[in-house]
C-alpha atoms as a PDB file:
ATOM      1  CA  MET A   1     -25.897 -18.990  58.228  1.00  0.00           C
ATOM      2  CA  LYS A   2     -23.557 -19.420  61.393  1.00  0.00           C
ATOM      3  CA  ARG A   3     -20.297 -17.814  59.818  1.00  0.00           C
ATOM      4  CA  VAL A   4     -20.131 -15.012  57.036  1.00  0.00           C
ATOM      5  CA  LEU A   5     -17.351 -13.055  55.815  1.00  0.00           C
ATOM      6  CA  VAL A   6     -17.206  -9.568  54.246  1.00  0.00           C
ATOM      7  CA  ILE A   7     -14.623  -8.303  52.150  1.00  0.00           C
ATOM      8  CA  LYS A   8     -13.754  -4.635  51.471  1.00  0.00           C
ATOM      9  CA  LEU A   9     -10.176  -3.462  51.346  1.00  0.00           C
ATOM     10  CA  GLY A  10     -10.408   0.068  50.965  1.00  0.00           C
ATOM     11  CA  ALA A  11      -9.407   3.251  50.201  1.00  0.00           C
ATOM     12  CA  LEU A  12     -11.174   5.301  52.851  1.00  0.00           C
ATOM     13  CA  GLY A  13     -14.108   6.640  50.479  1.00  0.00           C
ATOM     14  CA  ASP A  14     -14.990   3.308  49.020  1.00  0.00           C
ATOM     15  CA  LEU A  15     -15.064   1.942  52.969  1.00  0.00           C
ATOM     16  CA  VAL A  16     -17.364   4.380  53.768  1.00  0.00           C
ATOM     17  CA  LEU A  17     -19.611   4.227  50.991  1.00  0.00           C
ATOM     18  CA  ALA A  18     -19.799   0.382  51.959  1.00  0.00           C
ATOM     19  CA  PHE A  19     -21.104   1.207  55.629  1.00  0.00           C
ATOM     20  CA  ALA A  20     -24.771   0.784  54.628  1.00  0.00           C
ATOM     21  CA  PRO A  21     -24.164  -2.501  53.078  1.00  0.00           C
ATOM     22  CA  PHE A  22     -22.018  -3.654  56.260  1.00  0.00           C
ATOM     23  CA  ALA A  23     -25.475  -2.672  58.264  1.00  0.00           C
ATOM     24  CA  ALA A  24     -27.553  -4.568  55.848  1.00  0.00           C
ATOM     25  CA  ILE A  25     -25.636  -7.558  56.081  1.00  0.00           C
ATOM     26  CA  ARG A  26     -25.471  -7.382  59.886  1.00  0.00           C
ATOM     27  CA  ALA A  27     -29.488  -6.839  59.719  1.00  0.00           C
ATOM     28  CA  ARG A  28     -30.060  -9.939  57.577  1.00  0.00           C
ATOM     29  CA  TYR A  29     -27.945 -12.024  59.856  1.00  0.00           C
ATOM     30  CA  PRO A  30     -28.547 -10.939  63.376  1.00  0.00           C
ATOM     31  CA  ASP A  31     -27.157 -13.933  65.035  1.00  0.00           C
ATOM     32  CA  ALA A  32     -24.402 -14.787  62.781  1.00  0.00           C
ATOM     33  CA  ASP A  33     -20.512 -14.519  63.341  1.00  0.00           C
ATOM     34  CA  ILE A  34     -19.456 -11.922  60.955  1.00  0.00           C
ATOM     35  CA  THR A  35     -16.108 -11.313  60.231  1.00  0.00           C
ATOM     36  CA  LEU A  36     -14.821  -8.261  58.110  1.00  0.00           C
ATOM     37  CA  LEU A  37     -11.640  -8.815  55.837  1.00  0.00           C
ATOM     38  CA  THR A  38     -10.137  -5.086  55.089  1.00  0.00           C
ATOM     39  CA  THR A  39      -6.633  -3.602  55.040  1.00  0.00           C
ATOM     40  CA  ALA A  40      -4.357  -2.186  58.213  1.00  0.00           C
ATOM     41  CA  PRO A  41      -5.678   1.328  57.832  1.00  0.00           C
ATOM     42  CA  PHE A  42      -9.072   0.477  58.393  1.00  0.00           C
ATOM     43  CA  ALA A  43      -8.797  -2.055  61.267  1.00  0.00           C
ATOM     44  CA  ALA A  44      -9.189   0.073  64.248  1.00  0.00           C
ATOM     45  CA  LEU A  45     -12.126   1.805  62.774  1.00  0.00           C
ATOM     46  CA  MET A  46     -13.846  -1.226  62.032  1.00  0.00           C
ATOM     47  CA  GLU A  47     -13.087  -2.760  64.917  1.00  0.00           C
ATOM     48  CA  SER A  48     -15.355  -0.308  66.860  1.00  0.00           C
ATOM     49  CA  ALA A  49     -18.322  -0.937  64.223  1.00  0.00           C
ATOM     50  CA  PRO A  50     -21.583  -2.411  65.416  1.00  0.00           C
ATOM     51  CA  TRP A  51     -21.613  -4.842  62.375  1.00  0.00           C
ATOM     52  CA  PHE A  52     -18.956  -7.243  62.946  1.00  0.00           C
ATOM     53  CA  ASP A  53     -17.672  -9.893  65.742  1.00  0.00           C
ATOM     54  CA  HIS A  54     -14.373  -9.802  63.891  1.00  0.00           C
ATOM     55  CA  VAL A  55     -11.736  -7.788  61.911  1.00  0.00           C
ATOM     56  CA  VAL A  56      -8.840  -9.372  59.874  1.00  0.00           C
ATOM     57  CA  VAL A  57      -6.276  -7.609  57.990  1.00  0.00           C
ATOM     58  CA  ASP A  58      -5.430  -8.510  54.612  1.00  0.00           C
ATOM     59  CA  SER A  59      -1.791  -8.320  54.161  1.00  0.00           C
ATOM     60  CA  ARG A  60      -2.285  -8.517  50.156  1.00  0.00           C
ATOM     61  CA  PRO A  61       0.376 -11.321  49.840  1.00  0.00           C
ATOM     62  CA  ALA A  62       2.025 -11.362  46.387  1.00  0.00           C
ATOM     63  CA  TRP A  63       0.636 -14.144  44.087  1.00  0.00           C
ATOM     64  CA  ARG A  64       4.246 -15.781  44.473  1.00  0.00           C
ATOM     65  CA  ASP A  65       4.150 -15.723  48.538  1.00  0.00           C
ATOM     66  CA  LEU A  66       3.151 -19.338  49.213  1.00  0.00           C
ATOM     67  CA  ARG A  67       3.215 -18.849  52.777  1.00  0.00           C
ATOM     68  CA  GLY A  68       1.387 -15.418  52.835  1.00  0.00           C
ATOM     69  CA  LEU A  69      -1.081 -17.233  51.071  1.00  0.00           C
ATOM     70  CA  MET A  70      -1.806 -20.036  52.842  1.00  0.00           C
ATOM     71  CA  ARG A  71      -2.164 -17.541  55.850  1.00  0.00           C
ATOM     72  CA  LEU A  72      -4.785 -15.621  54.072  1.00  0.00           C
ATOM     73  CA  ARG A  73      -6.454 -18.958  53.146  1.00  0.00           C
ATOM     74  CA  ARG A  74      -6.468 -19.957  56.547  1.00  0.00           C
ATOM     75  CA  GLN A  75      -8.205 -16.581  57.585  1.00  0.00           C
ATOM     76  CA  MET A  76     -11.052 -17.352  54.945  1.00  0.00           C
ATOM     77  CA  ALA A  77     -11.919 -20.696  55.573  1.00  0.00           C
ATOM     78  CA  GLY A  78     -14.662 -22.411  56.971  1.00  0.00           C
ATOM     79  CA  PHE A  79     -17.461 -19.520  55.867  1.00  0.00           C
ATOM     80  CA  ASP A  80     -20.922 -20.090  55.355  1.00  0.00           C
ATOM     81  CA  ALA A  81     -21.278 -17.097  52.975  1.00  0.00           C
ATOM     82  CA  VAL A  82     -18.830 -14.320  51.614  1.00  0.00           C
ATOM     83  CA  TYR A  83     -19.966 -11.151  50.633  1.00  0.00           C
ATOM     84  CA  ASP A  84     -17.185  -9.471  48.468  1.00  0.00           C
ATOM     85  CA  LEU A  85     -18.005  -5.560  48.455  1.00  0.00           C
ATOM     86  CA  GLN A  86     -14.412  -5.093  46.877  1.00  0.00           C
ATOM     87  CA  THR A  87     -15.414  -6.925  43.477  1.00  0.00           C
ATOM     88  CA  SER A  88     -11.767  -6.520  41.926  1.00  0.00           C
ATOM     89  CA  GLY A  89      -9.759  -8.884  40.460  1.00  0.00           C
ATOM     90  CA  ARG A  90      -7.858  -9.676  43.480  1.00  0.00           C
ATOM     91  CA  SER A  91     -10.828 -10.239  45.689  1.00  0.00           C
ATOM     92  CA  SER A  92     -12.719 -12.644  42.999  1.00  0.00           C
ATOM     93  CA  ARG A  93      -9.583 -14.716  43.065  1.00  0.00           C
ATOM     94  CA  TYR A  94     -10.102 -15.071  47.026  1.00  0.00           C
ATOM     95  CA  PHE A  95     -13.285 -17.045  45.694  1.00  0.00           C
ATOM     96  CA  ARG A  96     -11.163 -20.363  45.006  1.00  0.00           C
ATOM     97  CA  LEU A  97      -8.704 -19.662  47.851  1.00  0.00           C
ATOM     98  CA  ALA A  98     -11.853 -19.494  50.300  1.00  0.00           C
ATOM     99  CA  GLY A  99     -12.807 -22.782  49.197  1.00  0.00           C
ATOM    100  CA  ARG A 100     -15.578 -21.807  46.798  1.00  0.00           C
ATOM    101  CA  PRO A 101     -18.267 -20.821  49.184  1.00  0.00           C
ATOM    102  CA  ARG A 102     -21.520 -19.512  48.743  1.00  0.00           C
ATOM    103  CA  TRP A 103     -20.437 -16.072  47.213  1.00  0.00           C
ATOM    104  CA  SER A 104     -21.868 -12.668  46.156  1.00  0.00           C
ATOM    105  CA  GLY A 105     -19.660 -10.428  43.922  1.00  0.00           C
ATOM    106  CA  ILE A 106     -18.410 -11.039  40.454  1.00  0.00           C
ATOM    107  CA  ALA A 107     -16.118 -13.972  40.667  1.00  0.00           C
ATOM    108  CA  SER A 108     -16.539 -16.844  37.910  1.00  0.00           C
ATOM    109  CA  GLY A 109     -18.492 -19.535  39.771  1.00  0.00           C
ATOM    110  CA  ALA A 110     -20.366 -16.862  42.453  1.00  0.00           C
ATOM    111  CA  SER A 111     -23.596 -18.362  43.690  1.00  0.00           C
ATOM    112  CA  TRP A 112     -24.855 -14.958  43.838  1.00  0.00           C
ATOM    113  CA  PRO A 113     -23.400 -13.158  40.983  1.00  0.00           C
ATOM    114  CA  HIS A 114     -23.372  -9.678  40.162  1.00  0.00           C
ATOM    115  CA  ASP A 115     -23.771  -9.656  36.480  1.00  0.00           C
ATOM    116  CA  ASN A 116     -25.417  -6.478  35.877  1.00  0.00           C
ATOM    117  CA  PRO A 117     -24.084  -5.101  32.522  1.00  0.00           C
ATOM    118  CA  GLN A 118     -24.336  -1.544  33.798  1.00  0.00           C
ATOM    119  CA  ARG A 119     -22.242  -2.393  37.247  1.00  0.00           C
ATOM    120  CA  ASP A 120     -19.215  -0.396  35.797  1.00  0.00           C
ATOM    121  CA  PHE A 121     -21.315   2.722  35.091  1.00  0.00           C
ATOM    122  CA  MET A 122     -23.295   2.655  38.375  1.00  0.00           C
ATOM    123  CA  HIS A 123     -22.520   4.645  41.456  1.00  0.00           C
ATOM    124  CA  THR A 124     -20.734   2.872  43.943  1.00  0.00           C
ATOM    125  CA  ARG A 125     -23.809   3.022  46.543  1.00  0.00           C
ATOM    126  CA  ALA A 126     -26.212   1.891  43.819  1.00  0.00           C
ATOM    127  CA  ARG A 127     -24.058  -1.050  42.579  1.00  0.00           C
ATOM    128  CA  GLN A 128     -23.517  -2.387  46.039  1.00  0.00           C
ATOM    129  CA  ARG A 129     -27.574  -2.107  46.958  1.00  0.00           C
ATOM    130  CA  ASP A 130     -28.009  -3.964  43.386  1.00  0.00           C
ATOM    131  CA  GLN A 131     -25.398  -6.663  44.215  1.00  0.00           C
ATOM    132  CA  LEU A 132     -27.037  -7.373  47.448  1.00  0.00           C
ATOM    133  CA  ARG A 133     -30.486  -7.185  46.069  1.00  0.00           C
ATOM    134  CA  ARG A 134     -29.298  -9.982  43.935  1.00  0.00           C
ATOM    135  CA  ALA A 135     -27.963 -12.146  46.786  1.00  0.00           C
ATOM    136  CA  GLY A 136     -31.421 -11.898  48.714  1.00  0.00           C
ATOM    137  CA  ILE A 137     -30.864  -8.484  50.586  1.00  0.00           C
ATOM    138  CA  ASP A 138     -33.473  -6.084  49.318  1.00  0.00           C
ATOM    139  CA  HIS A 139     -33.312  -3.201  52.305  1.00  0.00           C
ATOM    140  CA  VAL A 140     -29.929  -1.373  52.486  1.00  0.00           C
ATOM    141  CA  PRO A 141     -31.153   1.943  54.375  1.00  0.00           C
ATOM    142  CA  ASP A 142     -28.741   4.683  55.700  1.00  0.00           C
ATOM    143  CA  PRO A 143     -26.892   3.244  58.833  1.00  0.00           C
ATOM    144  CA  ASP A 144     -26.812   4.642  62.494  1.00  0.00           C
ATOM    145  CA  LEU A 145     -23.617   6.138  62.698  1.00  0.00           C
ATOM    146  CA  SER A 146     -24.025   7.307  66.637  1.00  0.00           C
ATOM    147  CA  TRP A 147     -21.272   5.179  67.388  1.00  0.00           C
ATOM    148  CA  LEU A 148     -18.881   7.681  65.407  1.00  0.00           C
ATOM    149  CA  ALA A 149     -20.441  10.617  66.686  1.00  0.00           C
ATOM    150  CA  GLY A 150     -18.637  11.507  69.839  1.00  0.00           C
ATOM    151  CA  GLY A 151     -15.091  11.003  68.886  1.00  0.00           C
ATOM    152  CA  GLY A 152     -12.389  13.404  68.399  1.00  0.00           C
ATOM    153  CA  PRO A 153     -11.375  16.576  70.189  1.00  0.00           C
ATOM    154  CA  VAL A 154     -14.555  19.064  71.161  1.00  0.00           C
ATOM    155  CA  LEU A 155     -13.573  22.442  69.711  1.00  0.00           C
ATOM    156  CA  PRO A 156     -14.857  25.763  71.016  1.00  0.00           C
ATOM    157  CA  GLY A 157     -17.337  27.804  68.804  1.00  0.00           C
ATOM    158  CA  ALA A 158     -18.177  27.033  65.375  1.00  0.00           C
ATOM    159  CA  TYR A 159     -15.658  25.778  62.723  1.00  0.00           C
ATOM    160  CA  ALA A 160     -15.237  24.538  59.210  1.00  0.00           C
ATOM    161  CA  LEU A 161     -13.099  21.512  58.252  1.00  0.00           C
ATOM    162  CA  LEU A 162     -11.111  22.001  55.336  1.00  0.00           C
ATOM    163  CA  VAL A 163      -9.488  18.760  53.338  1.00  0.00           C
ATOM    164  CA  PRO A 164      -6.798  20.208  51.091  1.00  0.00           C
ATOM    165  CA  GLY A 165      -5.250  16.593  50.422  1.00  0.00           C
ATOM    166  CA  ALA A 166      -5.769  13.629  48.077  1.00  0.00           C
ATOM    167  CA  ALA A 167      -3.850  10.741  46.821  1.00  0.00           C
ATOM    168  CA  PRO A 168      -0.550  11.641  46.079  1.00  0.00           C
ATOM    169  CA  HIS A 169      -0.408  10.093  42.736  1.00  0.00           C
ATOM    170  CA  ARG A 170      -3.417  11.959  41.481  1.00  0.00           C
ATOM    171  CA  PRO A 171      -2.380  15.751  41.725  1.00  0.00           C
ATOM    172  CA  ALA A 172      -5.059  16.718  39.683  1.00  0.00           C
ATOM    173  CA  LYS A 173      -7.683  15.856  42.131  1.00  0.00           C
ATOM    174  CA  ARG A 174      -6.066  18.905  44.295  1.00  0.00           C
ATOM    175  CA  TRP A 175      -7.439  22.273  44.747  1.00  0.00           C
ATOM    176  CA  PRO A 176      -4.277  24.484  44.804  1.00  0.00           C
ATOM    177  CA  ALA A 177      -3.522  24.793  48.846  1.00  0.00           C
ATOM    178  CA  GLU A 178      -3.276  28.769  48.225  1.00  0.00           C
ATOM    179  CA  ARG A 179      -6.886  28.624  47.453  1.00  0.00           C
ATOM    180  CA  PHE A 180      -7.782  26.741  50.410  1.00  0.00           C
ATOM    181  CA  GLY A 181      -6.008  29.452  52.360  1.00  0.00           C
ATOM    182  CA  ALA A 182      -7.967  32.280  50.737  1.00  0.00           C
ATOM    183  CA  LEU A 183     -11.302  30.135  51.505  1.00  0.00           C
ATOM    184  CA  ALA A 184     -10.103  29.810  54.915  1.00  0.00           C
ATOM    185  CA  ARG A 185      -9.693  33.428  55.385  1.00  0.00           C
ATOM    186  CA  LEU A 186     -13.116  34.241  54.134  1.00  0.00           C
ATOM    187  CA  LEU A 187     -14.529  31.671  56.500  1.00  0.00           C
ATOM    188  CA  ALA A 188     -12.518  32.712  59.660  1.00  0.00           C
ATOM    189  CA  ALA A 189     -14.110  36.614  58.540  1.00  0.00           C
ATOM    190  CA  ARG A 190     -17.566  34.631  59.011  1.00  0.00           C
ATOM    191  CA  GLY A 191     -17.034  33.605  62.326  1.00  0.00           C
ATOM    192  CA  LEU A 192     -16.012  30.179  61.382  1.00  0.00           C
ATOM    193  CA  THR A 193     -12.796  28.641  62.765  1.00  0.00           C
ATOM    194  CA  PRO A 194     -11.025  26.621  59.885  1.00  0.00           C
ATOM    195  CA  VAL A 195      -9.792  23.380  60.982  1.00  0.00           C
ATOM    196  CA  ILE A 196      -7.199  21.418  58.473  1.00  0.00           C
ATOM    197  CA  VAL A 197      -7.403  17.766  58.319  1.00  0.00           C
ATOM    198  CA  GLY A 198      -5.639  14.798  56.480  1.00  0.00           C
ATOM    199  CA  THR A 199      -2.820  12.642  56.864  1.00  0.00           C
ATOM    200  CA  ALA A 200       0.581  13.715  58.369  1.00  0.00           C
ATOM    201  CA  GLY A 201       2.120  13.795  54.638  1.00  0.00           C
ATOM    202  CA  GLU A 202      -0.173  16.494  54.145  1.00  0.00           C
ATOM    203  CA  ALA A 203       1.110  18.665  56.637  1.00  0.00           C
ATOM    204  CA  ASP A 204       3.103  21.269  54.066  1.00  0.00           C
ATOM    205  CA  LEU A 205      -0.454  21.695  52.636  1.00  0.00           C
ATOM    206  CA  ALA A 206      -1.805  22.792  56.082  1.00  0.00           C
ATOM    207  CA  ALA A 207       1.065  24.925  56.223  1.00  0.00           C
ATOM    208  CA  THR A 208       0.360  26.905  53.469  1.00  0.00           C
ATOM    209  CA  VAL A 209      -3.350  27.431  54.739  1.00  0.00           C
ATOM    210  CA  ARG A 210      -2.184  28.811  58.036  1.00  0.00           C
ATOM    211  CA  ALA A 211       0.096  31.068  56.395  1.00  0.00           C
ATOM    212  CA  ALA A 212      -2.678  32.611  54.579  1.00  0.00           C
ATOM    213  CA  CYS A 213      -5.083  32.492  57.791  1.00  0.00           C
ATOM    214  CA  PRO A 214      -3.015  32.160  60.954  1.00  0.00           C
ATOM    215  CA  GLU A 215      -6.100  31.477  63.008  1.00  0.00           C
ATOM    216  CA  ALA A 216      -6.754  28.174  61.080  1.00  0.00           C
ATOM    217  CA  VAL A 217      -5.934  25.082  63.122  1.00  0.00           C
ATOM    218  CA  ASP A 218      -3.907  22.299  61.874  1.00  0.00           C
ATOM    219  CA  LEU A 219      -4.731  18.825  62.873  1.00  0.00           C
ATOM    220  CA  THR A 220      -3.098  17.046  59.871  1.00  0.00           C
ATOM    221  CA  GLY A 221      -1.994  13.792  61.449  1.00  0.00           C
ATOM    222  CA  ARG A 222      -3.159  14.404  64.692  1.00  0.00           C
ATOM    223  CA  THR A 223      -6.744  12.556  64.075  1.00  0.00           C
ATOM    224  CA  SER A 224      -7.636   8.945  63.920  1.00  0.00           C
ATOM    225  CA  LEU A 225     -10.190   8.131  61.668  1.00  0.00           C
ATOM    226  CA  THR A 226     -12.641   7.627  64.664  1.00  0.00           C
ATOM    227  CA  GLU A 227     -11.689  11.014  65.813  1.00  0.00           C
ATOM    228  CA  LEU A 228     -12.143  12.546  62.338  1.00  0.00           C
ATOM    229  CA  ALA A 229     -15.875  11.257  61.909  1.00  0.00           C
ATOM    230  CA  GLY A 230     -16.701  13.081  65.356  1.00  0.00           C
ATOM    231  CA  LEU A 231     -15.102  16.144  64.305  1.00  0.00           C
ATOM    232  CA  ALA A 232     -16.915  15.874  60.998  1.00  0.00           C
ATOM    233  CA  ALA A 233     -20.331  15.299  63.164  1.00  0.00           C
ATOM    234  CA  ARG A 234     -19.900  18.841  65.034  1.00  0.00           C
ATOM    235  CA  ALA A 235     -18.478  20.779  61.969  1.00  0.00           C
ATOM    236  CA  THR A 236     -20.628  23.519  60.903  1.00  0.00           C
ATOM    237  CA  LEU A 237     -19.480  22.559  56.994  1.00  0.00           C
ATOM    238  CA  ALA A 238     -16.552  20.902  55.397  1.00  0.00           C
ATOM    239  CA  VAL A 239     -14.918  21.820  52.079  1.00  0.00           C
ATOM    240  CA  GLY A 240     -12.424  19.697  50.427  1.00  0.00           C
ATOM    241  CA  ASN A 241     -11.190  17.581  47.336  1.00  0.00           C
ATOM    242  CA  ASP A 242     -12.596  14.103  46.290  1.00  0.00           C
ATOM    243  CA  THR A 243     -10.852  12.156  49.047  1.00  0.00           C
ATOM    244  CA  GLY A 244     -11.761   9.897  51.835  1.00  0.00           C
ATOM    245  CA  PRO A 245     -12.634  12.120  54.795  1.00  0.00           C
ATOM    246  CA  MET A 246     -14.992  14.192  52.545  1.00  0.00           C
ATOM    247  CA  HIS A 247     -16.760  10.662  52.379  1.00  0.00           C
ATOM    248  CA  LEU A 248     -16.580  10.085  56.125  1.00  0.00           C
ATOM    249  CA  ALA A 249     -17.808  14.008  56.569  1.00  0.00           C
ATOM    250  CA  ALA A 250     -20.884  13.438  54.262  1.00  0.00           C
ATOM    251  CA  ALA A 251     -21.770  10.036  56.137  1.00  0.00           C
ATOM    252  CA  MET A 252     -21.681  11.839  59.284  1.00  0.00           C
ATOM    253  CA  GLY A 253     -24.356  14.551  58.101  1.00  0.00           C
ATOM    254  CA  CYS A 254     -21.983  17.425  57.791  1.00  0.00           C
ATOM    255  CA  PRO A 255     -22.726  20.059  55.015  1.00  0.00           C
ATOM    256  CA  CYS A 256     -20.146  19.628  52.367  1.00  0.00           C
ATOM    257  CA  THR A 257     -18.766  21.039  49.345  1.00  0.00           C
ATOM    258  CA  VAL A 258     -16.598  18.477  47.340  1.00  0.00           C
ATOM    259  CA  LEU A 259     -14.227  19.638  44.774  1.00  0.00           C
ATOM    260  CA  PHE A 260     -13.897  17.463  41.665  1.00  0.00           C
ATOM    261  CA  SER A 261     -11.768  17.605  38.576  1.00  0.00           C
ATOM    262  CA  ARG A 262     -11.863  15.455  35.264  1.00  0.00           C
ATOM    263  CA  ASP A 263     -10.006  12.867  37.242  1.00  0.00           C
ATOM    264  CA  SER A 264     -12.984  11.331  38.602  1.00  0.00           C
ATOM    265  CA  ASP A 265     -16.322  11.040  38.080  1.00  0.00           C
ATOM    266  CA  PRO A 266     -18.930  12.006  40.883  1.00  0.00           C
ATOM    267  CA  ALA A 267     -21.474  10.067  38.907  1.00  0.00           C
ATOM    268  CA  ARG A 268     -19.808   6.824  40.262  1.00  0.00           C
ATOM    269  CA  THR A 269     -17.820   8.126  43.410  1.00  0.00           C
ATOM    270  CA  ALA A 270     -19.391  11.085  44.962  1.00  0.00           C
ATOM    271  CA  PRO A 271     -19.760  11.234  48.666  1.00  0.00           C
ATOM    272  CA  GLN A 272     -23.416  10.379  49.710  1.00  0.00           C
ATOM    273  CA  GLY A 273     -25.040  12.359  52.451  1.00  0.00           C
ATOM    274  CA  ARG A 274     -27.628  11.781  54.732  1.00  0.00           C
ATOM    275  CA  ALA A 275     -30.255  14.394  53.366  1.00  0.00           C
ATOM    276  CA  PRO A 276     -31.171  16.081  50.059  1.00  0.00           C
ATOM    277  CA  GLY A 277     -28.713  19.475  49.092  1.00  0.00           C
ATOM    278  CA  GLN A 278     -26.539  17.905  51.956  1.00  0.00           C
ATOM    279  CA  VAL A 279     -23.563  17.349  49.858  1.00  0.00           C
ATOM    280  CA  ARG A 280     -22.702  19.864  46.946  1.00  0.00           C
ATOM    281  CA  VAL A 281     -20.357  18.937  44.204  1.00  0.00           C
ATOM    282  CA  LEU A 282     -18.266  21.350  42.362  1.00  0.00           C
ATOM    283  CA  ARG A 283     -16.709  19.847  39.231  1.00  0.00           C
ATOM    284  CA  VAL A 284     -14.292  21.388  36.749  1.00  0.00           C
ATOM    285  CA  ASP A 285     -12.017  19.859  34.145  1.00  0.00           C
ATOM    286  CA  ASP A 286      -8.981  21.562  35.808  1.00  0.00           C
ATOM    287  CA  LEU A 287      -9.015  22.647  39.778  1.00  0.00           C
ATOM    288  CA  ALA A 288      -6.427  25.341  38.999  1.00  0.00           C
ATOM    289  CA  LEU A 289      -9.518  27.136  37.232  1.00  0.00           C
ATOM    290  CA  LEU A 290     -11.884  26.817  39.938  1.00  0.00           C
ATOM    291  CA  SER A 291     -12.098  30.402  41.780  1.00  0.00           C
ATOM    292  CA  VAL A 292     -12.032  30.985  45.513  1.00  0.00           C
ATOM    293  CA  GLU A 293     -15.342  33.070  45.095  1.00  0.00           C
ATOM    294  CA  ARG A 294     -17.144  29.887  43.533  1.00  0.00           C
ATOM    295  CA  VAL A 295     -16.170  27.839  46.231  1.00  0.00           C
ATOM    296  CA  ALA A 296     -17.192  30.344  49.002  1.00  0.00           C
ATOM    297  CA  ALA A 297     -20.438  30.882  47.115  1.00  0.00           C
ATOM    298  CA  SER A 298     -21.366  27.134  47.499  1.00  0.00           C
ATOM    299  CA  VAL A 299     -21.478  27.575  51.425  1.00  0.00           C
ATOM    300  CA  ALA A 300     -22.460  30.774  51.793  1.00  0.00           C
END
């Protein structure tokens, strides 16, 4: 194989869960020219990764946008093999757009089809390992993420990351910000500086936390994904909702407590740590019923 394309479009948590497959594909083809097709929010992070020679951005053109589709077709042309780790309806349609190369995924006509009838019930990591196994890549170990460990500001003293946000269109995935504030007070009393991370659009959540705990540091909207990974690598612990930054914290080896509602299933999507017991999952049907005391006990 001289040229290999990997497709992974996001979201962040899904991208992080694909780090091990990324590394496994690079190990399988150490001398190949490997390109990642991803979306714009993740391009800078992946350009820093050791697994790819090129990162190209899929602008996800509408199917009626002929000019955009032709541009995407040119981006996908000439590859000896394609590993579709997105395995969505959209990415499967890229099989024909790319000229029907050797293909790992669920597209009709794929050379290495992932036709496990249980795939929709498997955890993402297990599903991707099984997909690669069927394509001849049997070894998918935890990847070396030392290239991410040094990023971000170096904060004095011990600190805990708090991740009060989640997808805006899925409010049921959010533990109330006021409870993150109460938890921040308890952590500060233990000598841990609460550090709030998330997107700029989650600044109001950070303000609620800081109103309850002025000692908390607000870094929402102030870190790149690479910087966030470094912060997580040095954190004492992290507590947050089922959202991308918690996947990144878990991947960096940070002890994590992740809060799930009935809106998502940890059996299929929970963050994956690097050691047994590193990631704890608290799941309740309604996060409004999850007490501060229970969350605090999980990080004692």
